[in-house]
């Protein structure tokens, strides 16, 4: 039997399976001697290659994380992989190289601790920050750091691929601290054959959301921290094998644009909700109901009070709508609203639409305005 629970001997990966749970817990490529050959490693890695992640769940998680970030005064940072990205290679696994999977989302991710370590290395080693700043930002044995680093998660589905590395000096890596052997097996030399080792990677172009905030009371300028995070991702990379060029990120302009659009839409929705509440309060104060409330909202939405051209264009259809309504009280309330608009755009027109001036008795008001005012003044209600 495979070294799996008896009820899992025939387990198979389904389309909606949690890729991480499958990859870490259901390995079934052992031979009769319970050993794993190179084919077994490659075959297992291929069971999770391709697209992983549920789009809606990832989107919902990203929004929740954004809300939490903003509550702490932070902002999300959208970055995408320039090339292959590897995370969690040090985790134990039968294929030798492990992988870090998000526990609930089933996608590759970077823990907040890993992000923090990367940024600290960038600031301390590459930028030469002074000890006081390093301790303030990241903490030491006597105090917690002022910064809070969030897990970096994909914002949408990611594509996984099988990659290969070919170490030449396997025995030297494992036994190089021992005395050299007569056959030279544990010394780094040209006569060793490369040993292909497959491992799992995230393909280029994967979008990730990073985030950093600060603890309450901290006076750190988060723009400086965000710049350090961005520079670290662009120059030294995140995850494993960064020395070989893996894990480099660049700004994800498309994801950033989507995020900015979502923020604008959310702000607009909040503004509209406030406006609706204000209009409802005004309508209640004026004793307006039904059609009159709808009319008030249309006037606000289409800016008929400030845009006279729109008012002239919209007024005839609004008058028709009032005349076709079956409640005379509401009709009168609506008529009063429109007459008020007439006066706003043409002062005095409701008292005398045909008012003239000069020796030629030229009309004071323009024809369209006159027609609207007369239609309202002469409106006949349904009995």
Protein backbone atom coordinates (compact mmCIF):
# COMPACT_ATOMS: atom_id res chain seq x y z
CA UNK A 1 0.00 0.00 0.00
CA UNK A 2 1.01 3.60 -0.56
CA UNK A 3 1.97 5.53 2.61
CA UNK A 4 -1.45 7.17 2.63
CA UNK A 5 -4.53 6.68 4.78
CA UNK A 6 -6.41 3.56 3.72
CA UNK A 7 -9.37 5.65 2.56
CA UNK A 8 -7.09 7.78 0.34
CA UNK A 9 -5.39 5.01 -1.61
CA UNK A 10 -7.39 5.73 -4.73
CA UNK A 11 -7.62 9.50 -4.34
CA UNK A 12 -7.55 11.54 -7.54
CA UNK A 13 -7.21 15.27 -8.10
CA UNK A 14 -10.42 16.97 -9.21
CA UNK A 15 -10.82 20.22 -11.15
CA UNK A 16 -11.86 22.09 -8.00
CA UNK A 17 -9.39 20.37 -5.66
CA UNK A 18 -7.21 22.43 -3.33
CA UNK A 19 -3.95 22.21 -5.28
CA UNK A 20 -1.77 22.70 -2.20
CA UNK A 21 -3.53 20.05 -0.14
CA UNK A 22 -3.26 17.60 -3.03
CA UNK A 23 0.41 18.38 -3.71
CA UNK A 24 1.53 18.17 -0.07
CA UNK A 25 -0.60 15.30 1.26
CA UNK A 26 -1.48 12.83 -1.51
CA UNK A 27 1.88 11.97 -3.13
CA UNK A 28 1.48 8.60 -4.85
CA UNK A 29 4.61 8.18 -6.98
CA UNK A 30 6.48 5.70 -4.78
CA UNK A 31 7.77 2.49 -6.40
CA UNK A 32 7.62 -0.96 -4.80
CA UNK A 33 10.63 -0.11 -2.65
CA UNK A 34 9.00 3.14 -1.51
CA UNK A 35 11.54 5.18 -3.44
CA UNK A 36 10.93 8.11 -5.74
CA UNK A 37 12.76 8.24 -9.05
CA UNK A 38 13.19 11.26 -11.28
CA UNK A 39 10.14 10.28 -13.31
CA UNK A 40 8.08 10.10 -10.14
CA UNK A 41 9.10 13.62 -9.18
CA UNK A 42 8.34 15.03 -12.62
CA UNK A 43 5.05 13.16 -12.88
CA UNK A 44 3.91 14.49 -9.52
CA UNK A 45 4.84 18.07 -10.27
CA UNK A 46 2.86 17.84 -13.50
CA UNK A 47 -0.31 16.98 -11.55
CA UNK A 48 -0.55 20.63 -10.46
CA UNK A 49 0.92 22.47 -13.44
CA UNK A 50 -1.36 24.77 -15.35
CA UNK A 51 -3.78 27.34 -13.94
CA UNK A 52 -4.63 27.23 -10.23
CA UNK A 53 -6.84 29.39 -8.03
CA UNK A 54 -10.49 30.40 -7.93
CA UNK A 55 -10.89 33.87 -9.46
CA UNK A 56 -13.83 34.99 -7.31
CA UNK A 57 -12.28 33.76 -4.06
CA UNK A 58 -8.97 35.45 -4.84
CA UNK A 59 -10.74 38.68 -5.74
CA UNK A 60 -12.79 38.60 -2.51
CA UNK A 61 -9.69 37.85 -0.41
CA UNK A 62 -7.77 40.71 -2.05
CA UNK A 63 -10.61 43.13 -1.25
CA UNK A 64 -10.72 42.02 2.39
CA UNK A 65 -6.97 42.46 2.67
CA UNK A 66 -7.22 45.90 1.06
CA UNK A 67 -9.86 46.92 3.61
CA UNK A 68 -7.64 45.72 6.46
CA UNK A 69 -4.65 47.56 5.02
CA UNK A 70 -6.60 50.79 4.70
CA UNK A 71 -7.87 50.45 8.26
CA UNK A 72 -4.22 50.54 9.35
CA UNK A 73 -3.41 53.46 7.07
CA UNK A 74 -1.71 51.35 4.39
CA UNK A 75 -2.26 50.82 0.67
CA UNK A 76 -1.95 47.68 -1.49
CA UNK A 77 0.97 47.38 -3.91
CA UNK A 78 0.31 45.49 -7.16
CA UNK A 79 3.33 43.73 -8.66
CA UNK A 80 3.74 41.03 -11.30
CA UNK A 81 6.46 38.45 -11.85
CA UNK A 82 9.06 39.29 -14.52
CA UNK A 83 10.08 35.63 -14.81
CA UNK A 84 9.71 32.44 -12.79
CA UNK A 85 8.95 32.75 -9.09
CA UNK A 86 9.50 30.04 -6.45
CA UNK A 87 8.26 30.02 -2.89
CA UNK A 88 8.74 27.50 -0.10
CA UNK A 89 11.47 25.38 -1.71
CA UNK A 90 12.81 24.54 1.73
CA UNK A 91 9.59 22.82 2.79
CA UNK A 92 9.90 19.06 3.14
CA UNK A 93 8.48 17.06 0.25
CA UNK A 94 9.16 13.71 -1.48
CA UNK A 95 10.19 15.52 -4.69
CA UNK A 96 13.02 17.18 -2.67
CA UNK A 97 11.89 20.76 -3.28
CA UNK A 98 8.75 21.86 -1.49
CA UNK A 99 6.34 24.66 -2.27
CA UNK A 100 4.43 27.21 -0.18
CA UNK A 101 0.67 27.02 -0.65
CA UNK A 102 -1.89 29.34 0.90
CA UNK A 103 -3.85 27.22 3.35
CA UNK A 104 -7.35 28.25 2.25
CA UNK A 105 -6.89 29.61 -1.28
CA UNK A 106 -4.71 26.81 -2.64
CA UNK A 107 -2.33 29.15 -4.51
CA UNK A 108 1.37 30.02 -4.07
CA UNK A 109 2.03 32.97 -1.78
CA UNK A 110 4.67 34.71 0.32
CA UNK A 111 4.19 35.03 4.04
CA UNK A 112 4.35 38.46 5.59
CA UNK A 113 7.47 37.31 7.47
CA UNK A 114 9.18 36.46 4.16
CA UNK A 115 8.28 39.87 2.73
CA UNK A 116 9.57 41.55 5.89
CA UNK A 117 12.88 39.64 5.68
CA UNK A 118 13.36 40.60 2.04
CA UNK A 119 12.74 44.31 2.71
CA UNK A 120 15.01 44.25 5.76
CA UNK A 121 17.82 42.66 3.73
CA UNK A 122 17.39 45.33 1.06
CA UNK A 123 17.47 48.19 3.58
CA UNK A 124 20.26 46.77 5.74
CA UNK A 125 22.63 45.20 3.21
CA UNK A 126 21.96 46.97 -0.05
CA UNK A 127 20.94 50.46 1.11
CA UNK A 128 22.95 50.74 4.31
CA UNK A 129 20.18 52.01 6.58
CA UNK A 130 21.40 53.01 10.03
CA UNK A 131 20.71 50.72 13.00
CA UNK A 132 18.15 53.06 14.56
CA UNK A 133 15.99 53.06 11.43
CA UNK A 134 16.34 49.28 11.01
CA UNK A 135 15.27 48.69 14.60
CA UNK A 136 12.41 51.18 14.35
CA UNK A 137 11.06 49.62 11.16
CA UNK A 138 11.65 45.94 11.82
CA UNK A 139 12.22 45.65 15.56
CA UNK A 140 14.91 43.89 17.57
CA UNK A 141 15.11 41.61 20.60
CA UNK A 142 13.81 44.40 22.83
CA UNK A 143 10.91 45.78 20.81
CA UNK A 144 8.50 45.05 18.00
CA UNK A 145 8.95 46.83 14.71
CA UNK A 146 6.59 49.64 13.79
CA UNK A 147 5.72 48.05 10.44
CA UNK A 148 3.15 45.37 9.68
CA UNK A 149 3.86 43.22 6.60
CA UNK A 150 0.96 41.34 5.02
CA UNK A 151 1.02 38.07 3.10
CA UNK A 152 1.59 38.56 -0.64
CA UNK A 153 -1.20 36.79 -2.52
CA UNK A 154 -2.14 36.43 -6.20
CA UNK A 155 -4.94 38.73 -7.30
CA UNK A 156 -6.14 36.22 -9.91
CA UNK A 157 -5.36 32.73 -11.16
CA UNK A 158 -1.67 31.88 -11.66
CA UNK A 159 0.01 29.43 -14.03
CA UNK A 160 2.37 26.82 -12.57
CA UNK A 161 5.14 25.15 -14.57
CA UNK A 162 7.74 22.43 -14.06
CA UNK A 163 11.31 23.78 -14.10
CA UNK A 164 14.64 21.93 -13.97
CA UNK A 165 17.91 22.55 -12.15
CA UNK A 166 21.01 20.45 -12.78
CA UNK A 167 23.39 20.38 -9.81
CA UNK A 168 26.81 18.88 -10.72
CA UNK A 169 28.20 18.27 -7.26
CA UNK A 170 25.47 16.49 -5.30
CA UNK A 171 27.77 14.55 -2.98
CA UNK A 172 29.93 17.56 -2.34
CA UNK A 173 26.87 19.58 -1.31
CA UNK A 174 25.82 16.79 1.02
CA UNK A 175 29.21 15.50 2.25
CA UNK A 176 31.68 18.26 1.49
CA UNK A 177 32.52 18.67 5.18
CA UNK A 178 33.97 15.13 5.28
CA UNK A 179 37.49 14.10 4.29
CA UNK A 180 37.90 13.77 0.50
CA UNK A 181 37.20 10.25 -0.71
CA UNK A 182 39.54 8.33 -2.96
CA UNK A 183 37.01 8.28 -5.80
CA UNK A 184 36.58 12.03 -5.59
CA UNK A 185 32.82 11.75 -5.15
CA UNK A 186 32.63 14.41 -2.46
CA UNK A 187 34.81 17.05 -4.08
CA UNK A 188 33.62 19.61 -6.66
CA UNK A 189 35.17 18.48 -9.95
CA UNK A 190 34.44 18.38 -13.66
CA UNK A 191 34.03 14.60 -13.83
CA UNK A 192 30.70 14.63 -12.01
CA UNK A 193 27.55 14.22 -14.12
CA UNK A 194 24.73 16.75 -13.73
CA UNK A 195 21.63 15.39 -12.04
CA UNK A 196 18.38 16.95 -13.35
CA UNK A 197 16.05 17.88 -10.49
CA UNK A 198 12.52 19.05 -11.34
CA UNK A 199 10.79 21.68 -9.23
CA UNK A 200 7.58 23.72 -9.34
CA UNK A 201 7.53 27.41 -10.29
CA UNK A 202 5.04 30.22 -10.91
CA UNK A 203 5.19 31.40 -14.52
CA UNK A 204 5.96 35.00 -15.45
CA UNK A 205 3.18 37.56 -15.55
CA UNK A 206 1.50 36.47 -12.29
CA UNK A 207 -0.06 39.40 -10.42
CA UNK A 208 0.49 39.59 -6.65
CA UNK A 209 -0.81 41.99 -4.03
CA UNK A 210 1.71 43.15 -1.42
CA UNK A 211 0.87 45.29 1.57
CA UNK A 212 2.56 47.09 4.44
CA UNK A 213 1.04 49.22 7.19
CA UNK A 214 2.24 50.72 10.45
CA UNK A 215 1.30 50.25 14.05
CA UNK A 216 -0.85 52.86 15.78
CA UNK A 217 1.15 55.86 16.93
CA UNK A 218 4.01 55.36 14.49
CA UNK A 219 5.23 58.42 12.60
CA UNK A 220 6.98 56.48 9.83
CA UNK A 221 6.38 57.75 6.30
CA UNK A 222 4.84 54.75 4.57
CA UNK A 223 5.79 56.09 1.14
CA UNK A 224 9.44 55.44 2.04
CA UNK A 225 8.60 51.89 3.11
CA UNK A 226 6.59 51.23 -0.04
CA UNK A 227 9.50 52.46 -2.15
CA UNK A 228 11.86 50.12 -0.29
CA UNK A 229 9.45 47.23 -0.86
CA UNK A 230 9.12 48.05 -4.57
CA UNK A 231 12.88 48.40 -5.03
CA UNK A 232 13.56 45.15 -3.20
CA UNK A 233 11.12 43.25 -5.42
CA UNK A 234 12.59 44.78 -8.57
CA UNK A 235 16.28 44.40 -7.71
CA UNK A 236 16.82 41.40 -5.44
CA UNK A 237 13.53 39.52 -5.84
CA UNK A 238 11.43 37.44 -3.48
CA UNK A 239 11.24 33.74 -2.71
CA UNK A 240 13.93 31.18 -3.60
CA UNK A 241 16.73 31.15 -6.22
CA UNK A 242 16.84 34.94 -6.42
CA UNK A 243 20.59 34.78 -7.14
CA UNK A 244 19.70 32.97 -10.37
CA UNK A 245 17.19 35.67 -11.37
CA UNK A 246 14.04 34.08 -9.99
CA UNK A 247 11.45 36.09 -8.06
CA UNK A 248 11.94 39.50 -9.67
CA UNK A 249 8.81 41.65 -9.81
CA UNK A 250 7.77 44.76 -11.69
CA UNK A 251 4.87 47.15 -11.27
CA UNK A 252 1.60 45.61 -12.45
CA UNK A 253 0.14 48.61 -14.25
CA UNK A 254 -3.03 46.79 -15.35
CA UNK A 255 -3.80 45.59 -11.82
CA UNK A 256 -3.00 49.05 -10.45
CA UNK A 257 -5.41 50.62 -12.98
CA UNK A 258 -8.11 48.10 -12.02
CA UNK A 259 -7.58 48.88 -8.35
CA UNK A 260 -7.79 52.64 -8.96
CA UNK A 261 -11.00 52.12 -10.97
CA UNK A 262 -12.51 50.05 -8.15
CA UNK A 263 -11.61 52.75 -5.63
CA UNK A 264 -13.22 55.43 -7.80
CA UNK A 265 -16.35 53.33 -8.25
CA UNK A 266 -16.54 52.67 -4.51
CA UNK A 267 -16.12 56.37 -3.73
CA UNK A 268 -18.80 57.23 -6.28
CA UNK A 269 -21.17 54.66 -4.81
CA UNK A 270 -20.58 56.05 -1.30
CA UNK A 271 -21.13 59.59 -2.57
CA UNK A 272 -24.35 58.56 -4.31
CA UNK A 273 -25.57 56.80 -1.18
CA UNK A 274 -24.96 59.95 0.86
CA UNK A 275 -26.71 62.03 -1.78
CA UNK A 276 -29.70 59.70 -1.78
CA UNK A 277 -29.90 59.94 2.00
CA UNK A 278 -29.74 63.74 1.82
CA UNK A 279 -32.46 63.88 -0.84
CA UNK A 280 -34.66 61.53 1.16
CA UNK A 281 -34.28 63.78 4.21
CA UNK A 282 -35.12 66.87 2.16
CA UNK A 283 -38.13 65.16 0.60
CA UNK A 284 -39.40 64.10 4.01
CA UNK A 285 -38.95 67.65 5.34
CA UNK A 286 -40.99 69.01 2.42
CA UNK A 287 -43.63 66.32 2.73
CA UNK A 288 -42.88 64.93 -0.74
CA UNK A 289 -43.82 61.37 -1.69
CA UNK A 290 -43.77 58.99 -4.65
CA UNK A 291 -43.21 60.65 -8.02
CA UNK A 292 -42.09 63.92 -6.43
CA UNK A 293 -39.18 62.15 -4.73
CA UNK A 294 -38.21 60.46 -8.00
CA UNK A 295 -38.36 63.81 -9.76
CA UNK A 296 -36.15 65.43 -7.14
CA UNK A 297 -33.56 62.67 -7.64
CA UNK A 298 -33.63 63.10 -11.42
CA UNK A 299 -33.10 66.83 -11.04
CA UNK A 300 -30.03 66.16 -8.88
CA UNK A 301 -28.62 63.30 -10.99
CA UNK A 302 -28.92 65.20 -14.28
CA UNK A 303 -27.84 68.49 -12.73
CA UNK A 304 -30.91 70.28 -14.11
CA UNK A 305 -30.55 73.09 -11.60
CA UNK A 306 -27.14 74.16 -12.88
CA UNK A 307 -27.26 73.06 -16.53
CA UNK A 308 -29.91 75.11 -18.32
CA UNK A 309 -29.43 73.28 -21.63
CA UNK A 310 -30.19 69.97 -19.94
CA UNK A 311 -33.20 71.52 -18.22
CA UNK A 312 -34.64 72.78 -21.54
CA UNK A 313 -34.05 69.40 -23.12
CA UNK A 314 -35.48 67.29 -20.26
CA UNK A 315 -38.42 69.46 -19.16
CA UNK A 316 -41.00 68.38 -21.81
CA UNK A 317 -40.62 64.67 -20.98
CA UNK A 318 -40.83 65.42 -17.26
CA UNK A 319 -44.06 67.38 -17.81
CA UNK A 320 -45.55 64.48 -19.79
CA UNK A 321 -44.61 62.11 -16.97
CA UNK A 322 -46.35 64.33 -14.42
CA UNK A 323 -49.51 64.61 -16.53
CA UNK A 324 -49.75 60.83 -16.93
CA UNK A 325 -49.52 60.24 -13.17
CA UNK A 326 -52.71 59.23 -11.37
CA UNK A 327 -52.28 61.09 -8.08
CA UNK A 328 -53.28 64.76 -8.18
CA UNK A 329 -51.49 65.69 -4.96
CA UNK A 330 -48.23 64.28 -6.28
CA UNK A 331 -48.83 66.00 -9.61
CA UNK A 332 -49.10 69.36 -7.87
CA UNK A 333 -45.95 68.73 -5.82
CA UNK A 334 -44.06 67.83 -9.01
CA UNK A 335 -45.39 70.87 -10.83
CA UNK A 336 -44.18 73.07 -7.97
CA UNK A 337 -40.67 71.58 -8.26
CA UNK A 338 -40.53 72.31 -11.99
CA UNK A 339 -41.92 75.81 -11.60
CA UNK A 340 -39.18 76.46 -9.07
CA UNK A 341 -36.63 75.38 -11.70
CA UNK A 342 -38.23 77.69 -14.24
CA UNK A 343 -37.77 80.60 -11.85
CA UNK A 344 -34.20 79.52 -11.07
CA UNK A 345 -33.20 79.68 -14.74
CA UNK A 346 -35.44 82.62 -15.77
CA UNK A 347 -36.39 84.90 -12.90
CA UNK A 348 -40.00 86.16 -13.13
CA UNK A 349 -41.07 83.88 -15.96
CA UNK A 350 -43.83 82.13 -13.97
CA UNK A 351 -45.48 85.50 -13.25
CA UNK A 352 -45.47 86.67 -16.86
CA UNK A 353 -44.05 84.29 -19.50
CA UNK A 354 -44.87 86.76 -22.33
CA UNK A 355 -43.11 89.70 -20.72
CA UNK A 356 -41.59 92.11 -23.26
CA UNK A 357 -39.21 95.05 -23.21
CA UNK A 358 -38.22 97.98 -25.35
CA UNK A 359 -40.08 99.82 -28.09
CA UNK A 360 -40.18 96.68 -30.23
CA UNK A 361 -41.79 94.70 -27.43
CA UNK A 362 -39.10 92.01 -27.66
CA UNK A 363 -39.75 88.93 -25.48
CA UNK A 364 -37.61 88.84 -22.34
CA UNK A 365 -37.48 85.04 -22.29
CA UNK A 366 -36.51 82.62 -25.03
CA UNK A 367 -39.18 80.58 -26.82
CA UNK A 368 -38.30 77.22 -25.28
CA UNK A 369 -38.37 78.66 -21.77
CA UNK A 370 -41.74 80.30 -22.48
CA UNK A 371 -43.25 77.05 -23.77
CA UNK A 372 -42.12 75.14 -20.66
CA UNK A 373 -43.42 77.79 -18.24
CA UNK A 374 -46.79 78.02 -20.00
CA UNK A 375 -47.15 74.23 -20.09
CA UNK A 376 -46.65 74.09 -16.34
CA UNK A 377 -48.95 77.04 -15.62
CA UNK A 378 -51.70 75.64 -17.83
CA UNK A 379 -51.29 72.01 -16.74
CA UNK A 380 -54.58 70.13 -16.56
CA UNK A 381 -54.84 67.44 -13.92
CA UNK A 382 -56.60 64.12 -14.34
CA UNK A 383 -59.72 63.88 -12.25
